[in-house]
Amino acid sequence: AAGAAIGLLDLLLASGGDLVTVLIGAGIDEDADATAVGDIL
């Protein structure tokens, strides 16, 4: 998921952007996993 998010972010930010909002769903089970994804992004 983190790798796909990085690739998608790069596409969405290709034309610039001031703010990125990421909402983490129930598919990432543990708080530690959610924190790790957030840190990577």
Full PDB file with SEQRES, HELIX, SHEET, SSBOND, CRYST1, ORIGX, SCALE, CONECT and MASTER records, all heavy atoms in Angstrom:
SEQRES   1 A   41  ALA ALA GLY ALA ALA ILE GLY LEU LEU ASP LEU LEU LEU          
SEQRES   2 A   41  ALA SER GLY GLY ASP LEU VAL THR VAL LEU ILE GLY ALA          
SEQRES   3 A   41  GLY ILE ASP GLU ASP ALA ASP ALA THR ALA VAL GLY ASP          
SEQRES   4 A   41  ILE LEU                                                      
HELIX    1 AA1 ALA A    2  LEU A   12  1                                  11    
HELIX    2 AA2 ASP A   31  ILE A   40  1                                  10    
CRYST1    1.000    1.000    1.000  90.00  90.00  90.00 P 1           1          
ORIGX1      1.000000  0.000000  0.000000        0.00000                         
ORIGX2      0.000000  1.000000  0.000000        0.00000                         
ORIGX3      0.000000  0.000000  1.000000        0.00000                         
SCALE1      1.000000  0.000000  0.000000        0.00000                         
SCALE2      0.000000  1.000000  0.000000        0.00000                         
SCALE3      0.000000  0.000000  1.000000        0.00000                         
ATOM      1  N   ALA A   1       0.824  -1.208   0.000  1.00  0.00           N  
ATOM      2  CA  ALA A   1       0.000   0.000   0.000  1.00  0.00           C  
ATOM      3  C   ALA A   1       0.859   1.260   0.000  1.00  0.00           C  
ATOM      4  O   ALA A   1       0.548   2.228  -0.698  1.00  0.00           O  
ATOM      5  CB  ALA A   1      -0.930  -0.006   1.212  1.00  0.00           C  
ATOM      6  N   ALA A   2       1.937   1.255   0.775  1.00  0.00           N  
ATOM      7  CA  ALA A   2       2.781   2.448   0.844  1.00  0.00           C  
ATOM      8  C   ALA A   2       3.412   2.752  -0.509  1.00  0.00           C  
ATOM      9  O   ALA A   2       3.471   3.913  -0.937  1.00  0.00           O  
ATOM     10  CB  ALA A   2       3.857   2.261   1.918  1.00  0.00           C  
ATOM     11  N   GLY A   3       3.888   1.718  -1.208  1.00  0.00           N  
ATOM     12  CA  GLY A   3       4.485   1.929  -2.523  1.00  0.00           C  
ATOM     13  C   GLY A   3       3.482   2.476  -3.520  1.00  0.00           C  
ATOM     14  O   GLY A   3       3.798   3.370  -4.329  1.00  0.00           O  
ATOM     15  N   ALA A   4       2.250   1.939  -3.494  1.00  0.00           N  
ATOM     16  CA  ALA A   4       1.223   2.441  -4.395  1.00  0.00           C  
ATOM     17  C   ALA A   4       0.861   3.881  -4.061  1.00  0.00           C  
ATOM     18  O   ALA A   4       0.634   4.706  -4.959  1.00  0.00           O  
ATOM     19  CB  ALA A   4      -0.014   1.550  -4.312  1.00  0.00           C  
ATOM     20  N   ALA A   5       0.835   4.214  -2.750  1.00  0.00           N  
ATOM     21  CA  ALA A   5       0.510   5.584  -2.342  1.00  0.00           C  
ATOM     22  C   ALA A   5       1.574   6.557  -2.822  1.00  0.00           C  
ATOM     23  O   ALA A   5       1.264   7.667  -3.272  1.00  0.00           O  
ATOM     24  CB  ALA A   5       0.354   5.651  -0.826  1.00  0.00           C  
ATOM     25  N   ILE A   6       2.849   6.172  -2.744  1.00  0.00           N  
ATOM     26  CA  ILE A   6       3.933   7.043  -3.215  1.00  0.00           C  
ATOM     27  C   ILE A   6       3.790   7.308  -4.714  1.00  0.00           C  
ATOM     28  O   ILE A   6       3.889   8.451  -5.173  1.00  0.00           O  
ATOM     29  CB  ILE A   6       5.297   6.407  -2.884  1.00  0.00           C  
ATOM     30  CG1 ILE A   6       5.564   6.487  -1.382  1.00  0.00           C  
ATOM     31  CG2 ILE A   6       6.419   7.091  -3.661  1.00  0.00           C  
ATOM     32  CD1 ILE A   6       6.804   5.732  -0.944  1.00  0.00           C  
ATOM     33  N   GLY A   7       3.558   6.255  -5.490  1.00  0.00           N  
ATOM     34  CA  GLY A   7       3.397   6.431  -6.922  1.00  0.00           C  
ATOM     35  C   GLY A   7       2.190   7.302  -7.252  1.00  0.00           C  
ATOM     36  O   GLY A   7       2.241   8.168  -8.151  1.00  0.00           O  
ATOM     37  N   LEU A   8       1.092   7.105  -6.541  1.00  0.00           N  
ATOM     38  CA  LEU A   8      -0.111   7.887  -6.790  1.00  0.00           C  
ATOM     39  C   LEU A   8       0.093   9.350  -6.396  1.00  0.00           C  
ATOM     40  O   LEU A   8      -0.343  10.268  -7.100  1.00  0.00           O  
ATOM     41  CB  LEU A   8      -1.289   7.281  -6.021  1.00  0.00           C  
ATOM     42  CG  LEU A   8      -2.665   7.912  -6.251  1.00  0.00           C  
ATOM     43  CD1 LEU A   8      -3.061   7.831  -7.730  1.00  0.00           C  
ATOM     44  CD2 LEU A   8      -3.717   7.233  -5.385  1.00  0.00           C  
ATOM     45  N   LEU A   9       0.798   9.562  -5.268  1.00  0.00           N  
ATOM     46  CA  LEU A   9       1.085  10.935  -4.839  1.00  0.00           C  
ATOM     47  C   LEU A   9       1.894  11.682  -5.893  1.00  0.00           C  
ATOM     48  O   LEU A   9       1.625  12.853  -6.186  1.00  0.00           O  
ATOM     49  CB  LEU A   9       1.853  10.918  -3.515  1.00  0.00           C  
ATOM     50  CG  LEU A   9       1.034  10.985  -2.227  1.00  0.00           C  
ATOM     51  CD1 LEU A   9       1.953  10.867  -1.021  1.00  0.00           C  
ATOM     52  CD2 LEU A   9       0.239  12.277  -2.163  1.00  0.00           C  
ATOM     53  N   ASP A  10       2.882  11.022  -6.446  1.00  0.00           N  
ATOM     54  CA  ASP A  10       3.703  11.673  -7.462  1.00  0.00           C  
ATOM     55  C   ASP A  10       2.867  12.079  -8.678  1.00  0.00           C  
ATOM     56  O   ASP A  10       3.076  13.160  -9.259  1.00  0.00           O  
ATOM     57  CB  ASP A  10       4.847  10.751  -7.885  1.00  0.00           C  
ATOM     58  CG  ASP A  10       5.890  10.581  -6.798  1.00  0.00           C  
ATOM     59  OD1 ASP A  10       5.954  11.444  -5.891  1.00  0.00           O  
ATOM     60  OD2 ASP A  10       6.639   9.586  -6.849  1.00  0.00           O  
ATOM     61  N   LEU A  11       1.935  11.229  -9.063  1.00  0.00           N  
ATOM     62  CA  LEU A  11       1.062  11.572 -10.185  1.00  0.00           C  
ATOM     63  C   LEU A  11       0.153  12.758  -9.851  1.00  0.00           C  
ATOM     64  O   LEU A  11      -0.013  13.688 -10.655  1.00  0.00           O  
ATOM     65  CB  LEU A  11       0.215  10.374 -10.585  1.00  0.00           C  
ATOM     66  CG  LEU A  11       0.917   9.221 -11.303  1.00  0.00           C  
ATOM     67  CD1 LEU A  11      -0.060   8.075 -11.551  1.00  0.00           C  
ATOM     68  CD2 LEU A  11       1.497   9.696 -12.631  1.00  0.00           C  
ATOM     69  N   LEU A  12      -0.434  12.716  -8.665  1.00  0.00           N  
ATOM     70  CA  LEU A  12      -1.361  13.775  -8.283  1.00  0.00           C  
ATOM     71  C   LEU A  12      -0.660  15.110  -8.077  1.00  0.00           C  
ATOM     72  O   LEU A  12      -1.263  16.177  -8.273  1.00  0.00           O  
ATOM     73  CB  LEU A  12      -2.124  13.376  -7.007  1.00  0.00           C  
ATOM     74  CG  LEU A  12      -3.078  12.175  -7.124  1.00  0.00           C  
ATOM     75  CD1 LEU A  12      -3.652  11.814  -5.757  1.00  0.00           C  
ATOM     76  CD2 LEU A  12      -4.209  12.473  -8.102  1.00  0.00           C  
ATOM     77  N   LEU A  13       0.618  15.055  -7.666  1.00  0.00           N  
ATOM     78  CA  LEU A  13       1.371  16.282  -7.418  1.00  0.00           C  
ATOM     79  C   LEU A  13       2.178  16.742  -8.630  1.00  0.00           C  
ATOM     80  O   LEU A  13       2.942  17.716  -8.532  1.00  0.00           O  
ATOM     81  CB  LEU A  13       2.321  16.081  -6.225  1.00  0.00           C  
ATOM     82  CG  LEU A  13       1.653  16.067  -4.840  1.00  0.00           C  
ATOM     83  CD1 LEU A  13       2.632  15.571  -3.784  1.00  0.00           C  
ATOM     84  CD2 LEU A  13       1.120  17.462  -4.484  1.00  0.00           C  
ATOM     85  N   ALA A  14       1.995  16.074  -9.765  1.00  0.00           N  
ATOM     86  CA  ALA A  14       2.772  16.439 -10.951  1.00  0.00           C  
ATOM     87  C   ALA A  14       2.523  17.881 -11.371  1.00  0.00           C  
ATOM     88  O   ALA A  14       3.416  18.551 -11.896  1.00  0.00           O  
ATOM     89  CB  ALA A  14       2.437  15.487 -12.095  1.00  0.00           C  
ATOM     90  N   SER A  15       1.288  18.369 -11.143  1.00  0.00           N  
ATOM     91  CA  SER A  15       0.976  19.752 -11.491  1.00  0.00           C  
ATOM     92  C   SER A  15       0.986  20.666 -10.282  1.00  0.00           C  
ATOM     93  O   SER A  15       0.449  21.776 -10.320  1.00  0.00           O  
ATOM     94  CB  SER A  15      -0.395  19.825 -12.176  1.00  0.00           C  
ATOM     95  OG  SER A  15      -1.401  19.261 -11.354  1.00  0.00           O  
ATOM     96  N   GLY A  16       1.617  20.213  -9.195  1.00  0.00           N  
ATOM     97  CA  GLY A  16       1.753  21.046  -7.998  1.00  0.00           C  
ATOM     98  C   GLY A  16       0.663  20.774  -6.988  1.00  0.00           C  
ATOM     99  O   GLY A  16      -0.304  20.049  -7.244  1.00  0.00           O  
ATOM    100  N   GLY A  17       0.817  21.369  -5.826  1.00  0.00           N  
ATOM    101  CA  GLY A  17      -0.157  21.213  -4.748  1.00  0.00           C  
ATOM    102  C   GLY A  17       0.404  21.718  -3.448  1.00  0.00           C  
ATOM    103  O   GLY A  17       1.604  21.588  -3.186  1.00  0.00           O  
ATOM    104  N   ASP A  18      -0.450  22.308  -2.634  1.00  0.00           N  
ATOM    105  CA  ASP A  18      -0.017  22.867  -1.355  1.00  0.00           C  
ATOM    106  C   ASP A  18      -0.300  21.949  -0.179  1.00  0.00           C  
ATOM    107  O   ASP A  18       0.386  21.996   0.837  1.00  0.00           O  
ATOM    108  CB  ASP A  18      -0.715  24.212  -1.100  1.00  0.00           C  
ATOM    109  CG  ASP A  18      -0.380  25.246  -2.152  1.00  0.00           C  
ATOM    110  OD1 ASP A  18       0.790  25.299  -2.567  1.00  0.00           O  
ATOM    111  OD2 ASP A  18      -1.297  25.990  -2.561  1.00  0.00           O  
ATOM    112  N   LEU A  19      -1.340  21.118  -0.316  1.00  0.00           N  
ATOM    113  CA  LEU A  19      -1.758  20.287   0.808  1.00  0.00           C  
ATOM    114  C   LEU A  19      -2.135  18.908   0.315  1.00  0.00           C  
ATOM    115  O   LEU A  19      -2.908  18.761  -0.630  1.00  0.00           O  
ATOM    116  CB  LEU A  19      -2.956  20.925   1.528  1.00  0.00           C  
ATOM    117  CG  LEU A  19      -3.597  20.097   2.650  1.00  0.00           C  
ATOM    118  CD1 LEU A  19      -2.625  19.906   3.820  1.00  0.00           C  
ATOM    119  CD2 LEU A  19      -4.893  20.746   3.132  1.00  0.00           C  
ATOM    120  N   VAL A  20      -1.588  17.884   0.978  1.00  0.00           N  
ATOM    121  CA  VAL A  20      -1.967  16.497   0.717  1.00  0.00           C  
ATOM    122  C   VAL A  20      -2.701  15.974   1.949  1.00  0.00           C  
ATOM    123  O   VAL A  20      -2.212  16.102   3.076  1.00  0.00           O  
ATOM    124  CB  VAL A  20      -0.736  15.616   0.432  1.00  0.00           C  
ATOM    125  CG1 VAL A  20      -1.146  14.147   0.339  1.00  0.00           C  
ATOM    126  CG2 VAL A  20      -0.044  16.060  -0.842  1.00  0.00           C  
ATOM    127  N   THR A  21      -3.878  15.390   1.731  1.00  0.00           N  
ATOM    128  CA  THR A  21      -4.647  14.787   2.821  1.00  0.00           C  
ATOM    129  C   THR A  21      -4.725  13.286   2.568  1.00  0.00           C  
ATOM    130  O   THR A  21      -5.116  12.853   1.477  1.00  0.00           O  
ATOM    131  CB  THR A  21      -6.070  15.374   2.884  1.00  0.00           C  
ATOM    132  OG1 THR A  21      -5.987  16.787   3.072  1.00  0.00           O  
ATOM    133  CG2 THR A  21      -6.858  14.753   4.021  1.00  0.00           C  
ATOM    134  N   VAL A  22      -4.357  12.505   3.563  1.00  0.00           N  
ATOM    135  CA  VAL A  22      -4.403  11.046   3.465  1.00  0.00           C  
ATOM    136  C   VAL A  22      -5.312  10.520   4.568  1.00  0.00           C  
ATOM    137  O   VAL A  22      -5.089  10.794   5.753  1.00  0.00           O  
ATOM    138  CB  VAL A  22      -2.996  10.428   3.589  1.00  0.00           C  
ATOM    139  CG1 VAL A  22      -3.095   8.902   3.525  1.00  0.00           C  
ATOM    140  CG2 VAL A  22      -2.079  10.956   2.495  1.00  0.00           C  
ATOM    141  N   LEU A  23      -6.325   9.773   4.167  1.00  0.00           N  
ATOM    142  CA  LEU A  23      -7.232   9.142   5.122  1.00  0.00           C  
ATOM    143  C   LEU A  23      -6.937   7.647   5.142  1.00  0.00           C  
ATOM    144  O   LEU A  23      -6.977   6.990   4.101  1.00  0.00           O  
ATOM    145  CB  LEU A  23      -8.685   9.390   4.719  1.00  0.00           C  
ATOM    146  CG  LEU A  23      -9.096  10.861   4.515  1.00  0.00           C  
ATOM    147  CD1 LEU A  23     -10.585  10.957   4.197  1.00  0.00           C  
ATOM    148  CD2 LEU A  23      -8.745  11.711   5.727  1.00  0.00           C  
ATOM    149  N   ILE A  24      -6.636   7.125   6.326  1.00  0.00           N  
ATOM    150  CA  ILE A  24      -6.216   5.728   6.487  1.00  0.00           C  
ATOM    151  C   ILE A  24      -7.410   4.895   6.933  1.00  0.00           C  
ATOM    152  O   ILE A  24      -8.045   5.179   7.954  1.00  0.00           O  
ATOM    153  CB  ILE A  24      -5.074   5.619   7.507  1.00  0.00           C  
ATOM    154  CG1 ILE A  24      -3.899   6.493   7.058  1.00  0.00           C  
ATOM    155  CG2 ILE A  24      -4.642   4.176   7.687  1.00  0.00           C  
ATOM    156  CD1 ILE A  24      -2.769   6.570   8.057  1.00  0.00           C  
ATOM    157  N   GLY A  25      -7.741   3.879   6.152  1.00  0.00           N  
ATOM    158  CA  GLY A  25      -8.931   3.084   6.394  1.00  0.00           C  
ATOM    159  C   GLY A  25      -8.699   1.877   7.267  1.00  0.00           C  
ATOM    160  O   GLY A  25      -7.590   1.616   7.777  1.00  0.00           O  
ATOM    161  N   ALA A  26      -9.775   1.087   7.431  1.00  0.00           N  
ATOM    162  CA  ALA A  26      -9.740  -0.079   8.303  1.00  0.00           C  
ATOM    163  C   ALA A  26      -8.878  -1.191   7.734  1.00  0.00           C  
ATOM    164  O   ALA A  26      -8.485  -2.112   8.463  1.00  0.00           O  
ATOM    165  CB  ALA A  26     -11.160  -0.596   8.520  1.00  0.00           C  
ATOM    166  N   GLY A  27      -8.540  -1.147   6.438  1.00  0.00           N  
ATOM    167  CA  GLY A  27      -7.711  -2.182   5.833  1.00  0.00           C  
ATOM    168  C   GLY A  27      -6.298  -2.206   6.364  1.00  0.00           C  
ATOM    169  O   GLY A  27      -5.586  -3.212   6.231  1.00  0.00           O  
ATOM    170  N   ILE A  28      -5.848  -1.119   6.954  1.00  0.00           N  
ATOM    171  CA  ILE A  28      -4.546  -1.109   7.653  1.00  0.00           C  
ATOM    172  C   ILE A  28      -4.864  -1.288   9.117  1.00  0.00           C  
ATOM    173  O   ILE A  28      -5.290  -0.368   9.814  1.00  0.00           O  
ATOM    174  CB  ILE A  28      -3.784   0.199   7.372  1.00  0.00           C  
ATOM    175  CG1 ILE A  28      -3.503   0.317   5.874  1.00  0.00           C  
ATOM    176  CG2 ILE A  28      -2.502   0.269   8.176  1.00  0.00           C  
ATOM    177  CD1 ILE A  28      -2.754   1.564   5.472  1.00  0.00           C  
ATOM    178  N   ASP A  29      -4.637  -2.510   9.611  1.00  0.00           N  
ATOM    179  CA  ASP A  29      -5.250  -2.939  10.865  1.00  0.00           C  
ATOM    180  C   ASP A  29      -4.694  -2.268  12.106  1.00  0.00           C  
ATOM    181  O   ASP A  29      -5.428  -1.794  12.950  1.00  0.00           O  
ATOM    182  CB  ASP A  29      -5.125  -4.461  11.022  1.00  0.00           C  
ATOM    183  CG  ASP A  29      -5.851  -5.204   9.913  1.00  0.00           C  
ATOM    184  OD1 ASP A  29      -6.879  -4.687   9.463  1.00  0.00           O  
ATOM    185  OD2 ASP A  29      -5.374  -6.272   9.499  1.00  0.00           O  
ATOM    186  N   GLU A  30      -3.401  -2.241  12.233  1.00  0.00           N  
ATOM    187  CA  GLU A  30      -2.805  -1.808  13.497  1.00  0.00           C  
ATOM    188  C   GLU A  30      -2.433  -0.334  13.461  1.00  0.00           C  
ATOM    189  O   GLU A  30      -2.081   0.224  12.417  1.00  0.00           O  
ATOM    190  CB  GLU A  30      -1.551  -2.636  13.794  1.00  0.00           C  
ATOM    191  CG  GLU A  30      -1.808  -4.133  13.883  1.00  0.00           C  
ATOM    192  CD  GLU A  30      -2.666  -4.506  15.063  1.00  0.00           C  
ATOM    193  OE1 GLU A  30      -2.655  -3.724  16.049  1.00  0.00           O  
ATOM    194  OE2 GLU A  30      -3.352  -5.539  15.001  1.00  0.00           O  
ATOM    195  N   ASP A  31      -2.510   0.301  14.639  1.00  0.00           N  
ATOM    196  CA  ASP A  31      -2.097   1.697  14.734  1.00  0.00           C  
ATOM    197  C   ASP A  31      -0.640   1.866  14.325  1.00  0.00           C  
ATOM    198  O   ASP A  31      -0.263   2.865  13.711  1.00  0.00           O  
ATOM    199  CB  ASP A  31      -2.288   2.209  16.168  1.00  0.00           C  
ATOM    200  CG  ASP A  31      -3.752   2.433  16.503  1.00  0.00           C  
ATOM    201  OD1 ASP A  31      -4.563   2.555  15.545  1.00  0.00           O  
ATOM    202  OD2 ASP A  31      -4.090   2.496  17.692  1.00  0.00           O  
ATOM    203  N   ALA A  32       0.165   0.865  14.664  1.00  0.00           N  
ATOM    204  CA  ALA A  32       1.591   0.945  14.309  1.00  0.00           C  
ATOM    205  C   ALA A  32       1.760   0.927  12.795  1.00  0.00           C  
ATOM    206  O   ALA A  32       2.586   1.662  12.239  1.00  0.00           O  
ATOM    207  CB  ALA A  32       2.352  -0.216  14.942  1.00  0.00           C  
ATOM    208  N   ASP A  33       0.956   0.109  12.104  1.00  0.00           N  
ATOM    209  CA  ASP A  33       1.030   0.068  10.650  1.00  0.00           C  
ATOM    210  C   ASP A  33       0.593   1.397  10.051  1.00  0.00           C  
ATOM    211  O   ASP A  33       1.202   1.895   9.084  1.00  0.00           O  
ATOM    212  CB  ASP A  33       0.150  -1.053  10.107  1.00  0.00           C  
ATOM    213  CG  ASP A  33       0.670  -2.432  10.495  1.00  0.00           C  
ATOM    214  OD1 ASP A  33       1.870  -2.536  10.793  1.00  0.00           O  
ATOM    215  OD2 ASP A  33      -0.126  -3.389  10.496  1.00  0.00           O  
ATOM    216  N   ALA A  34      -0.471   1.978  10.619  1.00  0.00           N  
ATOM    217  CA  ALA A  34      -0.953   3.264  10.128  1.00  0.00           C  
ATOM    218  C   ALA A  34       0.106   4.339  10.330  1.00  0.00           C  
ATOM    219  O   ALA A  34       0.345   5.177   9.454  1.00  0.00           O  
ATOM    220  CB  ALA A  34      -2.249   3.654  10.845  1.00  0.00           C  
ATOM    221  N   THR A  35       0.757   4.310  11.492  1.00  0.00           N  
ATOM    222  CA  THR A  35       1.806   5.293  11.754  1.00  0.00           C  
ATOM    223  C   THR A  35       2.960   5.113  10.784  1.00  0.00           C  
ATOM    224  O   THR A  35       3.523   6.094  10.276  1.00  0.00           O  
ATOM    225  CB  THR A  35       2.305   5.161  13.201  1.00  0.00           C  
ATOM    226  OG1 THR A  35       1.202   5.375  14.090  1.00  0.00           O  
ATOM    227  CG2 THR A  35       3.401   6.165  13.502  1.00  0.00           C  
ATOM    228  N   ALA A  36       3.294   3.857  10.519  1.00  0.00           N  
ATOM    229  CA  ALA A  36       4.404   3.586   9.599  1.00  0.00           C  
ATOM    230  C   ALA A  36       4.096   4.100   8.198  1.00  0.00           C  
ATOM    231  O   ALA A  36       4.945   4.719   7.547  1.00  0.00           O  
ATOM    232  CB  ALA A  36       4.692   2.083   9.567  1.00  0.00           C  
ATOM    233  N   VAL A  37       2.866   3.856   7.711  1.00  0.00           N  
ATOM    234  CA  VAL A  37       2.487   4.358   6.396  1.00  0.00           C  
ATOM    235  C   VAL A  37       2.542   5.879   6.380  1.00  0.00           C  
ATOM    236  O   VAL A  37       3.058   6.497   5.427  1.00  0.00           O  
ATOM    237  CB  VAL A  37       1.077   3.863   6.008  1.00  0.00           C  
ATOM    238  CG1 VAL A  37       0.576   4.588   4.763  1.00  0.00           C  
ATOM    239  CG2 VAL A  37       1.093   2.361   5.774  1.00  0.00           C  
ATOM    240  N   GLY A  38       2.026   6.510   7.432  1.00  0.00           N  
ATOM    241  CA  GLY A  38       2.060   7.959   7.519  1.00  0.00           C  
ATOM    242  C   GLY A  38       3.467   8.503   7.492  1.00  0.00           C  
ATOM    243  O   GLY A  38       3.747   9.512   6.820  1.00  0.00           O  
ATOM    244  N   ASP A  39       4.374   7.841   8.221  1.00  0.00           N  
ATOM    245  CA  ASP A  39       5.777   8.298   8.256  1.00  0.00           C  
ATOM    246  C   ASP A  39       6.438   8.159   6.885  1.00  0.00           C  
ATOM    247  O   ASP A  39       7.196   9.035   6.447  1.00  0.00           O  
ATOM    248  CB  ASP A  39       6.551   7.504   9.295  1.00  0.00           C  
ATOM    249  CG  ASP A  39       6.136   7.835  10.721  1.00  0.00           C  
ATOM    250  OD1 ASP A  39       5.507   8.904  10.916  1.00  0.00           O  
ATOM    251  OD2 ASP A  39       6.440   7.033  11.631  1.00  0.00           O  
ATOM    252  N   ILE A  40       6.175   7.039   6.201  1.00  0.00           N  
ATOM    253  CA  ILE A  40       6.767   6.827   4.881  1.00  0.00           C  
ATOM    254  C   ILE A  40       6.312   7.919   3.905  1.00  0.00           C  
ATOM    255  O   ILE A  40       7.120   8.495   3.167  1.00  0.00           O  
ATOM    256  CB  ILE A  40       6.379   5.432   4.345  1.00  0.00           C  
ATOM    257  CG1 ILE A  40       7.072   4.333   5.164  1.00  0.00           C  
ATOM    258  CG2 ILE A  40       6.741   5.294   2.868  1.00  0.00           C  
ATOM    259  CD1 ILE A  40       6.565   2.936   4.861  1.00  0.00           C  
ATOM    260  N   LEU A  41       5.021   8.225   3.915  1.00  0.00           N  
ATOM    261  CA  LEU A  41       4.499   9.241   3.006  1.00  0.00           C  
ATOM    262  C   LEU A  41       4.999  10.635   3.372  1.00  0.00           C  
ATOM    263  O   LEU A  41       5.311  11.447   2.486  1.00  0.00           O  
ATOM    264  CB  LEU A  41       2.966   9.214   3.007  1.00  0.00           C  
ATOM    265  CG  LEU A  41       2.321   7.919   2.505  1.00  0.00           C  
ATOM    266  CD1 LEU A  41       0.808   8.048   2.503  1.00  0.00           C  
ATOM    267  CD2 LEU A  41       2.819   7.567   1.117  1.00  0.00           C  
TER     268      LEU A  41                                                      
MASTER        0    0    0    2    0    0    0    6  267    1    0    4          
END                                                                             
